[in-house]
Amino acid sequence: MTLYLDVIWLLNFCIDLLLLQLTAFVLKRQVSIWRLLLGAFVASVFILFLFTPFSVIMYSPLAKLGYSILIVLTVFGYKRFRAFVQVLFMFYFVTFVIGGGMFALHYFMQGSGAILNGIATHATPFGDVFSWAFVIIGFPCLWLFSKQRIHHIKAKKIRYDQVVSVEIQVADTRIEAKGFIDSGNHLQDPITKTPVMILQLASFSDQFPELLVQRAKDPEGLFEEEEPLPSDWEHRIRLIPFRGVGQKHSFLLAFKPDEVKITQKQDTYVCRKVFVGLNEDRLSAEDEFNAIVHPKLMTGKASAQPAS
């Protein structure tokens, strides 16, 4: 059997370069291309040792661990022990994810197999082992897929960090919601300058009087002489000028609660100067939250005080 070590080394060099790039991406580290190239070169040289008398040593777990440390030091350097261990573990994590994905993809694509004399043989389009075409095409595709998934998870985490628990107390009714802190929300009552948070009506329609729900769906109906709202709600109602994205100017039916309690991690705020608008539209496509919290409610500018 003829082995072309230069081709094997080049393939490993490219794979190691992509693995190191993905590790830097996950850790949000700015690494120069020269350090990445040097790290990929150091990592790819490992394959050459396996064809020398040193192969017995290089196969040992301690040698592999030491070589991994050398690769990480070459690319990311050393600042603090904890940070270095984090990078090392992330490098292993990325390697295992991509390697496991390649194995799973190969297993998914393989055809029927048989065991002959204790050796597994497979009749597949890729041969008995990963073919060059499979590795060259499959690895970059899996790398791009992993990068996109990691980016998606990061975006999800950012959104979840902005989701808070909201409790709205109005008369004898208590409403519990998941609120999203929207820094771009500047909705307020134009007269009193009171901030307005938004509640998804469909999620809590059963906790409001039926007539109030109908008015929230058609706020302009309040201008007409129709059946009045219940007395304990009538003095709470406000009409807030409102315009959603891609919509014309309209009105948002809002009410004055007795209290709104917002909990973010370990911090809890009790807000009394606030209006709660009832919006018929769905606020989150994936139902991650059903309320939009005005950012002023989290800064104390709306008479927010830490709860005791």
Foldseek 3Di string as FASTA:
>chain_A
DDDDLVVQLVLQLVLQLLLVVLLCLLVVHDWDPVLSSVLSNLRSCLVVCCVDPCVVVCVDPVNVLVSLLVSLCSTPNDDDPVVSVVSSVSSVVSVCQLVVVLVVVCVVQWDDWDADPNDIATDGPCGRDHHPVSCVPVSVVSSVVVSVVSVVVVVVVVFVLQWWWKWFAAPPDIDIWIAGADAPQCFAAPPPSQAEKEFACVVCVVRDPVVVSVCQVPVVCVVDPDDADPPSFRVFWDWGFDADVPGDIDTWIKGQTCWMWIDRPPWIKIARRYIYTYDNDQPDPVPPTGMYDYVVLVVCVRVIDTDD
